[in-house]
N, C-alpha and C. Protein backbone atom coordinates (compact mmCIF):
# COMPACT_ATOMS: atom_id res chain seq x y z
N MET A 1 115.51 94.81 87.99
CA MET A 1 113.76 95.87 87.17
C MET A 1 113.92 95.53 85.99
N SER A 2 114.31 93.96 85.69
CA SER A 2 114.06 93.40 84.30
C SER A 2 112.50 93.81 83.79
N GLU A 3 111.82 93.55 84.58
CA GLU A 3 110.53 93.79 84.38
C GLU A 3 110.04 95.15 83.59
N TRP A 4 111.01 96.16 84.09
CA TRP A 4 110.51 97.47 83.57
C TRP A 4 110.72 97.74 81.88
N LYS A 5 111.71 96.89 81.55
CA LYS A 5 112.69 97.13 80.18
C LYS A 5 111.91 96.22 79.43
N ARG A 6 110.90 96.81 78.95
CA ARG A 6 109.94 96.00 77.89
C ARG A 6 108.83 97.00 77.43
N LYS A 7 108.43 96.54 76.07
CA LYS A 7 107.50 97.71 75.39
C LYS A 7 106.20 98.04 75.83
N ARG A 8 105.77 99.13 75.27
CA ARG A 8 104.27 99.36 75.78
C ARG A 8 103.50 98.02 74.82
N PHE A 9 102.68 97.61 76.06
CA PHE A 9 101.70 96.55 75.07
C PHE A 9 100.30 96.82 75.60
N TRP A 10 99.72 97.61 75.92
CA TRP A 10 98.38 98.50 76.28
C TRP A 10 98.11 99.65 75.03
N LYS A 11 96.64 99.58 74.75
CA LYS A 11 95.82 100.89 74.72
C LYS A 11 95.19 101.74 75.24
N GLU A 12 94.23 100.91 76.06
CA GLU A 12 93.64 101.97 77.22
C GLU A 12 94.16 101.54 78.60
N VAL A 13 94.21 102.68 79.40
CA VAL A 13 94.84 103.21 80.99
C VAL A 13 93.51 103.39 81.36
N GLY A 14 93.05 102.91 82.45
CA GLY A 14 92.19 103.36 83.64
C GLY A 14 92.06 103.18 84.78
N VAL A 15 91.15 103.93 85.35
CA VAL A 15 91.20 103.70 86.97
C VAL A 15 89.92 102.97 87.50
N ALA A 16 90.23 102.23 88.81
CA ALA A 16 88.89 101.44 88.92
C ALA A 16 88.70 101.46 90.68
N PRO A 17 87.57 101.27 91.03
CA PRO A 17 87.38 101.29 92.14
C PRO A 17 87.65 99.67 92.52
N VAL A 18 88.29 99.48 93.82
CA VAL A 18 88.09 98.23 94.62
C VAL A 18 88.02 98.32 96.02
N ASP A 19 88.17 97.27 96.39
CA ASP A 19 87.76 97.05 98.24
C ASP A 19 88.45 97.92 98.87
N GLU A 20 89.59 98.04 98.69
CA GLU A 20 90.73 98.74 99.53
C GLU A 20 90.96 100.03 99.11
N GLY A 21 90.61 100.82 97.87
CA GLY A 21 91.00 102.02 97.59
C GLY A 21 90.53 102.51 95.73
N PHE A 22 91.80 101.99 94.84
CA PHE A 22 91.80 102.38 93.63
C PHE A 22 92.95 101.66 93.07
N THR A 23 92.36 101.13 91.86
CA THR A 23 93.63 100.94 91.13
C THR A 23 93.82 101.00 89.76
N VAL A 24 94.84 100.35 88.90
CA VAL A 24 95.11 101.00 87.33
C VAL A 24 95.17 100.04 86.96
N GLU A 25 94.67 100.05 85.73
CA GLU A 25 94.21 98.82 84.72
C GLU A 25 94.66 99.53 83.53
N LEU A 26 95.49 98.58 82.72
CA LEU A 26 96.23 98.47 81.12
C LEU A 26 94.66 97.15 80.64
N ASP A 27 93.98 97.91 79.65
CA ASP A 27 93.43 97.36 78.65
C ASP A 27 92.47 96.31 79.32
N GLY A 28 92.24 96.88 81.24
CA GLY A 28 91.40 96.05 81.77
C GLY A 28 91.61 95.16 82.89
N ARG A 29 93.34 94.86 83.29
CA ARG A 29 94.30 93.79 82.98
C ARG A 29 94.56 94.77 84.29
N ARG A 30 94.87 94.45 85.77
CA ARG A 30 95.07 95.57 86.87
C ARG A 30 96.51 95.38 86.82
N VAL A 31 97.35 96.39 87.11
CA VAL A 31 98.39 96.49 87.29
C VAL A 31 99.09 96.13 88.94
N LYS A 32 100.25 95.32 88.47
CA LYS A 32 100.71 95.11 89.75
C LYS A 32 102.31 95.64 90.00
N THR A 33 102.47 95.57 91.28
CA THR A 33 103.80 96.39 91.99
C THR A 33 104.84 95.29 91.30
N PRO A 34 106.60 95.24 91.33
CA PRO A 34 107.38 94.56 91.00
C PRO A 34 107.59 93.20 91.84
N ALA A 35 107.03 93.49 93.02
CA ALA A 35 106.89 92.54 93.50
C ALA A 35 105.81 91.45 93.53
N LYS A 36 105.12 91.83 92.75
CA LYS A 36 103.62 91.06 91.75
C LYS A 36 102.70 91.04 93.04
N ALA A 37 102.80 92.23 94.13
CA ALA A 37 101.49 92.62 94.84
C ALA A 37 100.35 93.54 93.95
N ALA A 38 99.25 93.70 94.07
CA ALA A 38 98.05 94.32 93.31
C ALA A 38 98.44 95.64 93.78
N LEU A 39 98.43 96.66 93.00
CA LEU A 39 98.87 97.84 92.83
C LEU A 39 97.64 98.72 93.02
N VAL A 40 97.09 98.87 94.82
CA VAL A 40 95.64 99.14 94.87
C VAL A 40 96.72 100.50 96.01
N VAL A 41 95.98 101.64 95.50
CA VAL A 41 95.93 102.91 96.41
C VAL A 41 95.12 103.64 96.96
N PRO A 42 95.34 104.35 98.02
CA PRO A 42 93.78 104.67 98.96
C PRO A 42 93.16 105.85 98.65
N THR A 43 93.57 106.43 97.25
CA THR A 43 92.78 107.78 96.87
C THR A 43 92.46 107.76 95.34
N ARG A 44 91.48 107.94 94.99
CA ARG A 44 91.24 108.20 93.36
C ARG A 44 92.44 108.98 92.60
N GLY A 45 92.66 110.20 93.50
CA GLY A 45 93.29 111.24 93.06
C GLY A 45 95.37 110.49 92.65
N MET A 46 95.50 109.57 93.61
CA MET A 46 96.18 109.14 93.32
C MET A 46 96.58 107.73 92.18
N ALA A 47 95.33 107.56 92.04
CA ALA A 47 95.50 106.49 90.83
C ALA A 47 95.67 106.93 89.55
N GLU A 48 94.85 108.17 89.57
CA GLU A 48 94.63 109.07 88.26
C GLU A 48 96.17 109.74 88.03
N ALA A 49 96.61 109.66 88.88
CA ALA A 49 98.29 110.38 88.47
C ALA A 49 99.33 109.36 88.21
N ILE A 50 98.80 107.75 88.61
CA ILE A 50 99.62 106.57 88.27
C ILE A 50 99.39 106.85 86.56
N ALA A 51 97.96 106.54 86.42
CA ALA A 51 97.28 105.94 85.15
C ALA A 51 98.21 107.33 84.12
N ALA A 52 98.11 108.41 84.63
CA ALA A 52 98.59 109.30 83.28
C ALA A 52 99.82 108.67 83.45
N GLU A 53 100.70 108.57 84.19
CA GLU A 53 102.23 108.00 83.98
C GLU A 53 101.81 106.72 83.23
N TRP A 54 101.10 106.09 83.03
CA TRP A 54 101.20 104.91 82.49
C TRP A 54 100.65 105.18 80.74
N ALA A 55 99.93 106.38 80.77
CA ALA A 55 99.46 106.69 79.64
C ALA A 55 100.29 107.19 78.50
N ALA A 56 101.24 107.81 79.34
CA ALA A 56 102.56 108.62 78.48
C ALA A 56 103.19 107.93 78.13
N GLN A 57 103.56 106.64 78.71
CA GLN A 57 104.28 105.74 78.17
C GLN A 57 104.16 105.68 76.36
N GLU A 58 105.46 105.54 76.31
CA GLU A 58 105.84 105.37 74.63
C GLU A 58 105.74 103.94 73.99
N ASP A 59 107.00 104.01 73.58
CA ASP A 59 107.27 102.23 73.24
C ASP A 59 108.16 102.02 74.24
N GLU A 60 109.01 102.36 75.06
CA GLU A 60 109.21 102.04 75.90
C GLU A 60 108.84 102.04 76.96
N ILE A 61 108.72 101.45 78.09
CA ILE A 61 108.39 101.80 79.65
C ILE A 61 109.64 102.49 80.25
N ASP A 62 109.72 103.36 80.74
CA ASP A 62 111.11 104.50 81.33
C ASP A 62 110.70 104.56 82.71
N PRO A 63 110.78 103.67 83.84
CA PRO A 63 110.21 103.73 85.11
C PRO A 63 110.66 105.25 85.56
N ARG A 64 111.86 106.11 85.09
CA ARG A 64 111.99 107.21 85.63
C ARG A 64 111.02 108.30 85.19
N SER A 65 110.03 108.24 84.24
CA SER A 65 109.33 109.11 84.32
C SER A 65 108.16 108.92 85.11
N MET A 66 107.78 108.01 85.67
CA MET A 66 106.51 107.59 86.20
C MET A 66 107.00 107.66 88.03
N PRO A 67 107.50 109.25 88.54
CA PRO A 67 107.67 109.12 90.04
C PRO A 67 106.21 108.19 91.13
N PHE A 68 105.02 108.71 90.60
CA PHE A 68 104.06 108.14 91.62
C PHE A 68 103.87 106.93 91.46
N THR A 69 103.99 106.25 90.07
CA THR A 69 104.04 104.62 90.06
C THR A 69 105.13 104.07 91.03
N ARG A 70 106.48 104.47 91.06
CA ARG A 70 107.28 104.42 91.73
C ARG A 70 106.87 104.25 93.33
N SER A 71 106.55 105.86 93.82
CA SER A 71 106.80 105.74 95.39
C SER A 71 105.30 104.51 95.59
N ALA A 72 104.37 104.71 94.77
CA ALA A 72 103.27 103.35 95.53
C ALA A 72 104.14 102.10 95.25
N ASN A 73 104.63 101.58 94.23
CA ASN A 73 105.16 100.71 94.58
C ASN A 73 106.07 100.59 96.05
N ALA A 74 107.03 101.57 96.29
CA ALA A 74 107.67 101.57 97.59
C ALA A 74 106.82 101.39 98.38
N ALA A 75 105.45 101.93 98.56
CA ALA A 75 104.59 101.72 99.70
C ALA A 75 103.73 101.00 99.87
N ILE A 76 104.00 100.07 99.19
CA ILE A 76 103.07 98.65 99.18
C ILE A 76 104.15 97.23 99.51
N ASP A 77 105.68 97.48 98.49
CA ASP A 77 106.40 96.68 98.16
C ASP A 77 107.18 96.50 99.95
N LYS A 78 107.95 98.04 99.96
CA LYS A 78 108.91 97.78 100.97
C LYS A 78 108.01 98.40 102.29
N VAL A 79 107.38 99.77 102.55
CA VAL A 79 107.33 100.26 103.49
C VAL A 79 106.05 99.75 104.32
N ARG A 80 105.24 98.86 103.58
CA ARG A 80 104.07 98.08 104.39
C ARG A 80 104.66 97.17 104.79
N ALA A 81 105.78 96.15 104.03
CA ALA A 81 106.36 95.42 104.44
C ALA A 81 107.15 95.62 105.97
N GLN A 82 107.65 96.75 105.66
CA GLN A 82 108.97 96.89 106.80
C GLN A 82 108.09 97.82 108.08
N PHE A 83 106.73 98.33 108.30
CA PHE A 83 106.58 99.44 108.54
C PHE A 83 107.03 100.09 109.69
N ASP A 84 107.62 98.71 110.66
CA ASP A 84 108.20 99.58 112.08
C ASP A 84 109.50 99.60 111.89
N GLU A 85 110.15 99.26 111.02
CA GLU A 85 111.74 99.43 110.52
C GLU A 85 111.84 101.29 110.23
N VAL A 86 111.16 101.31 109.12
CA VAL A 86 110.77 102.38 108.48
C VAL A 86 110.25 103.51 109.48
N ALA A 87 109.47 103.44 110.11
CA ALA A 87 108.72 104.50 110.91
C ALA A 87 109.90 104.58 112.17
N GLU A 88 110.95 103.77 112.67
CA GLU A 88 112.20 103.89 113.74
C GLU A 88 113.14 105.07 112.91
N ILE A 89 113.58 104.80 111.72
CA ILE A 89 114.58 105.02 110.78
C ILE A 89 114.10 106.74 110.88
N VAL A 90 113.16 106.93 110.49
CA VAL A 90 112.41 108.47 110.63
C VAL A 90 112.61 109.21 111.54
N ALA A 91 111.70 108.44 112.61
CA ALA A 91 111.70 109.30 113.73
C ALA A 91 112.87 109.47 114.66
N ALA A 92 113.75 108.91 113.92
CA ALA A 92 115.42 108.91 114.63
C ALA A 92 115.90 110.18 114.26
N TYR A 93 115.47 111.07 113.08
CA TYR A 93 115.63 112.11 112.78
C TYR A 93 115.58 113.32 113.96
N GLY A 94 114.68 112.96 114.33
CA GLY A 94 113.94 113.79 116.02
C GLY A 94 115.35 114.22 116.51
N ASP A 95 116.06 113.03 117.04
CA ASP A 95 117.24 113.24 117.82
C ASP A 95 118.34 113.80 117.17
N THR A 96 118.51 114.24 116.13
CA THR A 96 119.28 114.99 115.28
C THR A 96 119.03 115.93 114.17
N ASP A 97 117.75 116.46 114.62
CA ASP A 97 116.99 117.49 113.72
C ASP A 97 118.27 118.66 113.12
N LEU A 98 118.00 118.64 111.85
CA LEU A 98 118.88 119.94 111.12
C LEU A 98 118.76 121.07 112.00
N LEU A 99 117.33 121.33 112.48
CA LEU A 99 117.06 122.93 113.14
C LEU A 99 117.86 123.13 114.63
N CYS A 100 118.13 122.00 115.10
CA CYS A 100 118.57 122.01 116.70
C CYS A 100 119.96 122.02 116.68
N TYR A 101 121.39 122.14 115.40
CA TYR A 101 122.32 122.25 115.24
C TYR A 101 122.75 123.34 114.59
N ARG A 102 123.24 125.05 115.58
CA ARG A 102 123.22 125.89 115.28
C ARG A 102 124.67 126.15 114.71
N ALA A 103 124.89 126.84 113.91
CA ALA A 103 126.16 127.52 113.62
C ALA A 103 127.03 128.65 114.83
N ASP A 104 127.89 128.19 115.19
CA ASP A 104 128.84 128.99 116.44
C ASP A 104 129.66 130.25 116.08
N PHE A 105 129.80 130.08 114.62
CA PHE A 105 130.40 131.07 114.03
C PHE A 105 129.91 131.15 112.23
N PRO A 106 129.92 132.26 111.69
CA PRO A 106 130.10 133.72 111.81
C PRO A 106 128.72 134.26 112.42
N GLN A 107 128.39 135.19 112.99
CA GLN A 107 126.95 135.94 113.52
C GLN A 107 126.23 136.08 112.56
N GLY A 108 126.75 136.24 111.37
CA GLY A 108 125.43 136.42 110.55
C GLY A 108 124.33 135.24 110.15
N LEU A 109 125.43 133.93 109.87
CA LEU A 109 124.64 132.99 109.79
C LEU A 109 123.84 132.84 111.41
N ILE A 110 124.43 132.49 112.66
CA ILE A 110 124.01 132.73 113.73
C ILE A 110 122.27 133.43 113.54
N ASP A 111 122.89 134.60 113.51
CA ASP A 111 121.49 135.41 113.49
C ASP A 111 120.34 134.65 112.56
N ARG A 112 120.66 134.41 111.28
CA ARG A 112 119.63 134.33 110.16
C ARG A 112 119.23 132.36 110.92
N GLN A 113 120.16 131.49 110.91
CA GLN A 113 119.33 130.23 111.30
C GLN A 113 118.36 130.92 112.56
N THR A 114 118.66 131.92 113.67
CA THR A 114 117.89 131.64 114.85
C THR A 114 116.34 132.65 114.30
N ALA A 115 116.66 133.22 113.18
CA ALA A 115 115.18 134.41 112.89
C ALA A 115 114.33 133.03 112.09
N GLU A 116 115.23 132.47 111.19
CA GLU A 116 114.58 131.47 110.08
C GLU A 116 113.98 129.81 110.87
N TRP A 117 115.07 129.73 111.94
CA TRP A 117 114.53 127.79 112.61
C TRP A 117 113.81 127.96 113.47
N ASP A 118 113.79 129.15 114.47
CA ASP A 118 113.31 129.15 115.20
C ASP A 118 111.88 129.34 115.30
N PRO A 119 111.33 129.59 114.76
CA PRO A 119 109.65 129.74 114.41
C PRO A 119 109.61 128.41 113.96
N VAL A 120 110.10 127.41 113.07
CA VAL A 120 109.40 126.17 113.05
C VAL A 120 109.25 125.51 114.15
N LEU A 121 110.40 125.70 114.91
CA LEU A 121 110.26 124.92 116.16
C LEU A 121 109.41 125.36 117.12
N ASP A 122 109.02 126.97 117.07
CA ASP A 122 107.67 127.58 117.90
C ASP A 122 106.50 126.96 116.88
N TRP A 123 106.73 126.41 116.30
CA TRP A 123 105.11 125.81 115.48
C TRP A 123 105.22 124.21 115.68
N ALA A 124 106.20 123.59 115.86
CA ALA A 124 106.12 122.32 116.15
C ALA A 124 105.69 122.22 117.97
N GLU A 125 106.41 123.12 118.73
CA GLU A 125 105.86 123.72 119.84
C GLU A 125 104.22 123.15 120.26
N THR A 126 103.38 123.78 119.01
CA THR A 126 102.15 124.35 119.02
C THR A 126 101.47 122.82 118.14
N ALA A 127 102.24 122.44 117.38
CA ALA A 127 101.41 121.62 116.25
C ALA A 127 101.78 119.89 116.80
N LEU A 128 102.77 119.83 117.22
CA LEU A 128 103.48 118.84 117.88
C LEU A 128 103.54 118.21 119.11
N GLY A 129 102.87 119.14 119.79
CA GLY A 129 103.10 119.18 121.31
C GLY A 129 104.82 118.80 121.95
N VAL A 130 105.73 119.15 121.07
CA VAL A 130 107.04 118.85 121.65
C VAL A 130 107.90 120.18 121.16
N ARG A 131 108.57 120.72 122.12
CA ARG A 131 109.81 121.36 121.95
C ARG A 131 110.77 121.07 121.77
N LEU A 132 112.10 120.90 120.61
CA LEU A 132 113.06 120.46 120.53
C LEU A 132 114.14 121.70 121.00
N ARG A 133 114.96 121.29 121.58
CA ARG A 133 116.00 122.25 122.29
C ARG A 133 117.14 122.25 121.03
N ALA A 134 117.29 123.76 120.49
CA ALA A 134 118.45 123.72 120.07
C ALA A 134 119.53 124.15 120.80
N HIS A 135 121.40 123.88 119.82
CA HIS A 135 122.18 124.08 120.56
C HIS A 135 123.32 124.48 119.23
N SER A 136 124.48 125.21 119.89
CA SER A 136 125.48 125.74 118.84
C SER A 136 126.65 124.47 118.95
N GLY A 137 127.17 124.33 117.39
CA GLY A 137 127.74 123.27 117.66
C GLY A 137 127.69 121.88 116.50
N VAL A 138 128.37 120.65 116.24
CA VAL A 138 127.75 119.70 115.86
C VAL A 138 127.43 118.17 116.44
N ILE A 139 128.15 118.54 117.96
CA ILE A 139 128.19 117.55 118.68
C ILE A 139 127.07 116.86 119.32
N HIS A 140 126.45 115.99 119.18
CA HIS A 140 125.71 115.16 119.69
C HIS A 140 125.19 115.68 120.80
N ARG A 141 123.61 116.41 120.74
CA ARG A 141 123.22 116.20 122.11
C ARG A 141 121.73 115.61 122.43
N ALA A 142 121.38 114.89 122.97
CA ALA A 142 120.71 114.12 122.74
C ALA A 142 119.22 115.12 123.19
N GLN A 143 118.34 114.87 122.75
CA GLN A 143 117.11 115.33 123.28
C GLN A 143 116.11 114.42 123.92
N ASP A 144 114.89 115.52 124.85
CA ASP A 144 114.46 114.73 125.75
C ASP A 144 113.59 113.60 125.22
N ALA A 145 113.67 112.61 125.74
CA ALA A 145 113.08 111.03 125.91
C ALA A 145 111.84 110.68 125.72
N SER A 146 111.04 111.71 126.20
CA SER A 146 109.43 111.70 126.48
C SER A 146 108.97 112.72 125.25
N ALA A 147 109.66 113.92 124.67
CA ALA A 147 109.57 114.41 123.16
C ALA A 147 109.87 113.45 121.86
N LEU A 148 110.69 112.96 122.16
CA LEU A 148 111.28 111.91 120.89
C LEU A 148 110.33 110.96 120.58
N ALA A 149 109.52 110.36 122.12
CA ALA A 149 108.67 109.30 122.06
C ALA A 149 106.88 109.69 121.66
N ARG A 150 106.56 110.90 121.91
CA ARG A 150 105.99 112.01 121.28
C ARG A 150 105.89 112.05 119.72
N LEU A 151 107.00 112.56 118.95
CA LEU A 151 107.43 112.40 117.53
C LEU A 151 107.08 111.26 117.17
N ALA A 152 107.91 109.98 117.85
CA ALA A 152 107.74 108.79 116.76
C ALA A 152 106.41 107.72 117.23
N ALA A 153 105.71 108.36 118.07
CA ALA A 153 103.99 108.18 118.18
C ALA A 153 103.63 108.81 116.84
N GLN A 154 103.47 109.50 116.73
CA GLN A 154 103.20 110.62 115.36
C GLN A 154 103.20 110.26 114.18
N VAL A 155 104.63 109.55 114.01
CA VAL A 155 105.34 108.95 113.02
C VAL A 155 104.48 107.82 112.68
N ARG A 156 104.66 106.71 113.46
CA ARG A 156 103.67 105.11 113.36
C ARG A 156 102.35 105.84 113.33
N ALA A 157 101.58 106.54 113.25
CA ALA A 157 100.65 106.64 112.82
C ALA A 157 99.98 107.33 111.74
N LEU A 158 101.19 107.51 110.52
CA LEU A 158 100.74 107.65 109.55
C LEU A 158 100.65 106.24 108.92
N SER A 159 99.82 106.30 107.77
CA SER A 159 99.62 105.00 107.13
C SER A 159 100.59 104.61 106.17
N ALA A 160 100.70 104.01 105.43
CA ALA A 160 102.24 103.31 104.62
C ALA A 160 102.55 104.26 103.90
N PHE A 161 101.63 104.32 102.66
CA PHE A 161 101.78 105.50 101.92
C PHE A 161 102.17 106.94 102.30
N GLN A 162 101.47 107.35 103.43
CA GLN A 162 102.23 108.40 103.74
C GLN A 162 103.52 108.61 104.22
N LEU A 163 103.57 107.34 105.08
CA LEU A 163 105.66 107.09 105.26
C LEU A 163 106.00 106.99 104.28
N ALA A 164 105.72 106.63 103.44
CA ALA A 164 106.43 106.40 102.07
C ALA A 164 107.09 107.63 101.69
N ALA A 165 105.95 108.59 101.59
CA ALA A 165 106.08 110.12 101.51
C ALA A 165 106.67 110.62 102.28
N PHE A 166 106.67 110.39 103.55
CA PHE A 166 107.14 111.52 104.69
C PHE A 166 108.59 111.09 104.80
N HIS A 167 109.12 109.59 104.80
CA HIS A 167 110.16 109.31 104.81
C HIS A 167 111.21 110.19 103.66
N ASP A 168 110.77 110.74 102.46
CA ASP A 168 111.40 111.36 101.66
C ASP A 168 111.72 113.04 102.11
N LEU A 169 110.76 113.00 102.62
CA LEU A 169 110.56 114.84 103.18
C LEU A 169 111.09 114.87 104.22
N VAL A 170 111.77 113.52 105.29
CA VAL A 170 112.63 113.95 106.38
C VAL A 170 113.94 113.69 105.78
N THR A 171 114.35 112.62 104.89
CA THR A 171 115.41 112.47 104.66
C THR A 171 116.09 113.30 103.88
N LEU A 172 115.40 114.11 103.22
CA LEU A 172 116.17 115.30 101.76
C LEU A 172 116.19 116.35 102.69
N SER A 173 115.21 116.71 103.98
CA SER A 173 115.70 117.87 104.29
C SER A 173 116.21 117.99 105.67
N GLY A 174 116.70 116.68 105.87
CA GLY A 174 117.64 116.43 107.12
C GLY A 174 116.73 116.60 108.24
N SER A 175 115.62 116.81 108.26
CA SER A 175 114.44 117.21 109.72
C SER A 175 113.66 116.47 109.79
N LEU A 176 113.12 115.99 111.09
CA LEU A 176 111.79 115.58 111.61
C LEU A 176 110.70 116.40 111.14
N VAL A 177 111.15 117.71 111.96
CA VAL A 177 110.27 118.44 112.40
C VAL A 177 110.14 119.67 110.75
N LEU A 178 110.95 119.50 109.93
CA LEU A 178 110.57 120.23 108.40
C LEU A 178 109.66 119.03 107.56
N GLY A 179 110.06 117.83 108.34
CA GLY A 179 109.18 117.00 107.37
C GLY A 179 107.32 117.17 107.92
N PHE A 180 107.20 117.40 108.89
CA PHE A 180 106.06 117.23 109.72
C PHE A 180 105.54 118.70 109.33
N ALA A 181 106.55 119.86 108.73
CA ALA A 181 106.03 121.16 108.48
C ALA A 181 105.38 120.59 107.12
N ALA A 182 106.30 120.22 106.61
CA ALA A 182 105.77 119.90 104.85
C ALA A 182 104.59 119.29 104.82
N ALA A 183 104.54 118.05 105.64
CA ALA A 183 103.41 117.35 105.80
C ALA A 183 102.24 117.92 106.14
N ARG A 184 101.87 119.20 107.24
CA ARG A 184 101.05 119.60 107.39
C ARG A 184 100.60 120.50 106.87
N GLY A 185 101.27 121.05 105.83
CA GLY A 185 101.13 122.32 105.41
C GLY A 185 101.34 123.66 106.14
N TRP A 186 101.93 123.64 106.61
CA TRP A 186 102.55 124.67 107.72
C TRP A 186 103.34 126.28 106.85
N ARG A 187 103.97 126.07 105.46
CA ARG A 187 104.11 126.65 104.16
C ARG A 187 104.25 126.08 103.42
N ALA A 188 104.50 126.94 102.17
CA ALA A 188 104.19 125.65 101.25
C ALA A 188 105.72 125.28 101.05
N PRO A 189 105.49 124.06 100.28
CA PRO A 189 106.96 122.99 100.28
C PRO A 189 108.60 123.85 99.57
N GLU A 190 108.00 124.84 98.97
CA GLU A 190 109.31 125.19 98.47
C GLU A 190 110.23 126.11 99.53
N GLU A 191 108.98 127.29 100.78
CA GLU A 191 109.75 127.34 101.24
C GLU A 191 110.35 126.79 102.72
N ILE A 192 109.63 125.71 103.07
CA ILE A 192 110.35 124.67 104.10
C ILE A 192 111.56 124.26 102.92
N TRP A 193 111.56 123.60 101.56
CA TRP A 193 112.87 123.27 101.51
C TRP A 193 113.82 124.58 101.53
N ARG A 194 113.44 125.46 101.32
CA ARG A 194 114.59 126.85 101.51
C ARG A 194 114.88 126.69 102.91
N LEU A 195 114.61 126.66 103.58
CA LEU A 195 114.71 126.62 105.01
C LEU A 195 116.02 125.38 104.99
N SER A 196 115.34 124.08 104.64
CA SER A 196 116.30 123.42 104.93
C SER A 196 117.64 123.21 104.30
N ARG A 197 117.98 124.20 103.43
CA ARG A 197 118.76 124.59 102.71
C ARG A 197 119.63 125.91 103.02
N LEU A 198 119.44 126.49 104.21
CA LEU A 198 120.12 127.53 104.74
C LEU A 198 121.25 127.60 104.81
N ASP A 199 122.06 127.02 105.57
CA ASP A 199 123.28 126.30 105.59
C ASP A 199 124.23 126.56 103.89
N GLU A 200 123.57 125.85 103.41
CA GLU A 200 124.20 125.91 101.64
C GLU A 200 124.09 126.98 101.04
N ALA A 201 122.76 127.89 101.25
CA ALA A 201 122.69 129.11 100.36
C ALA A 201 123.72 130.18 101.23
N TRP A 202 124.17 130.03 102.74
CA TRP A 202 124.82 131.42 103.30
C TRP A 202 126.09 130.56 102.70
N GLN A 203 126.73 129.28 102.41
CA GLN A 203 127.94 129.31 102.20
C GLN A 203 128.12 129.75 100.44
N GLU A 204 126.95 129.42 99.03
CA GLU A 204 127.05 129.94 97.98
C GLU A 204 127.33 131.71 98.16
N ALA A 205 126.32 132.11 98.81
CA ALA A 205 126.74 133.46 99.03
C ALA A 205 128.00 133.85 99.42
N GLN A 206 128.81 133.35 100.40
CA GLN A 206 130.33 133.58 100.61
C GLN A 206 131.35 133.39 99.66
N TRP A 207 131.14 132.09 98.66
CA TRP A 207 132.15 131.56 98.38
C TRP A 207 131.80 130.95 96.63
N GLY A 208 130.37 131.49 96.69
CA GLY A 208 129.97 131.13 95.04
C GLY A 208 129.64 129.84 94.75
N VAL A 209 128.68 129.63 93.77
CA VAL A 209 128.14 128.56 93.51
C VAL A 209 128.85 127.07 92.96
N ASP A 210 128.98 125.99 93.46
CA ASP A 210 129.21 125.00 92.54
C ASP A 210 128.08 124.26 91.82
N GLU A 211 128.61 124.39 90.63
CA GLU A 211 127.76 123.77 89.44
C GLU A 211 126.76 122.05 90.04
N GLU A 212 128.25 121.60 90.10
CA GLU A 212 127.66 120.16 90.67
C GLU A 212 126.51 119.94 91.32
N ALA A 213 127.35 120.72 92.73
CA ALA A 213 126.07 120.85 93.54
C ALA A 213 125.11 121.23 93.69
N ARG A 214 124.85 122.54 93.24
CA ARG A 214 123.81 123.02 92.36
C ARG A 214 122.34 121.97 92.01
N GLN A 215 123.42 121.18 90.80
CA GLN A 215 122.44 120.64 90.24
C GLN A 215 121.84 119.57 91.16
N MET A 216 122.76 118.99 91.82
CA MET A 216 122.43 117.75 92.60
C MET A 216 121.00 118.21 93.87
N ALA A 217 121.21 119.48 94.43
CA ALA A 217 120.62 120.41 94.94
C ALA A 217 118.80 120.12 94.46
N GLU A 218 118.97 120.12 92.79
CA GLU A 218 117.65 120.91 92.36
C GLU A 218 117.00 119.30 92.60
N THR A 219 118.00 118.28 92.01
CA THR A 219 117.25 117.28 92.02
C THR A 219 116.53 116.69 93.61
N LYS A 220 117.47 117.14 94.60
CA LYS A 220 116.85 116.38 95.52
C LYS A 220 115.68 117.41 95.82
N LYS A 221 115.63 119.15 95.25
CA LYS A 221 114.42 119.60 95.72
C LYS A 221 113.03 119.09 94.81
N ALA A 222 112.95 118.48 93.75
CA ALA A 222 112.34 117.89 92.80
C ALA A 222 111.56 116.46 93.58
N ASP A 223 112.42 116.28 94.07
CA ASP A 223 112.04 114.72 94.87
C ASP A 223 111.23 115.38 95.97
N PHE A 224 111.80 116.47 96.79
CA PHE A 224 111.29 116.59 98.21
C PHE A 224 109.52 117.33 97.20
N MET A 225 109.60 117.94 96.15
CA MET A 225 108.20 118.55 95.91
C MET A 225 107.37 117.26 95.09
N HIS A 226 107.95 116.00 94.42
CA HIS A 226 106.92 114.94 94.39
C HIS A 226 106.55 114.45 95.90
N ALA A 227 107.51 114.12 96.50
CA ALA A 227 106.74 113.20 98.48
C ALA A 227 106.20 114.37 98.81
N LYS A 228 105.94 115.43 98.56
CA LYS A 228 104.69 116.35 99.25
C LYS A 228 103.69 116.19 98.32
N ARG A 229 103.75 115.89 97.19
CA ARG A 229 102.64 115.68 96.27
C ARG A 229 101.95 114.14 96.50
N PHE A 230 102.86 113.64 96.60
CA PHE A 230 102.04 112.17 96.59
C PHE A 230 101.82 112.01 98.37
N PHE A 231 102.27 112.74 99.39
CA PHE A 231 101.90 112.79 100.63
C PHE A 231 100.32 112.94 100.45
N ASP A 232 100.41 114.36 100.41
CA ASP A 232 98.68 115.02 99.88
C ASP A 232 98.01 113.88 99.20
N LEU A 233 98.29 113.36 98.18
CA LEU A 233 97.47 111.86 97.39
C LEU A 233 97.08 110.72 98.15
N SER A 234 97.72 110.73 99.59
CA SER A 234 97.66 109.56 100.26
C SER A 234 96.48 109.84 101.05
């Protein structure tokens, strides 16, 4: 990451159309990724978001303040180069989906999971053509192979930029179905994130809030919201 630790050397930041999309220019010179690939993104909106991050840098470049740039770099340098591997990792969440592993005690939590998670599985049956089976307990129970294959095909249909964001939507929520629900706008991303935290919220209501865990959850929520914005701009 040494290439990030440098002073700002440019005065003007611009967005320019290129053959495969849009790029960002610093004093007329095109930005490259850490792997020295051309930073070309699919939409003007994404390029403008990246350009705004570069324009906001002051004396020293701070990559922590540049989430769109980092996500675009990941899409180009990592996801595009290892698309099949990333798609396989993400699709595998369908067989261990958070929404399918239900509590067997207490009844209040069982009822809440049923009321809040079943509608997402209902949506997936219509929108994704797949009905995943829910069960009590944490022991793994394999889902139907044909259902998983249909979900995997929809993951592979994403572009590299979409998959970079979708990877985070799924891994942060622990659910392939919630990832699709966020990507396809089933409900507001804040509501989908809340559904992914149902068990944690129940524990907090019973035993109180652990401040360190709460801060970690807020960081993950911010990352989830960013992933949704990046997906939409893809």
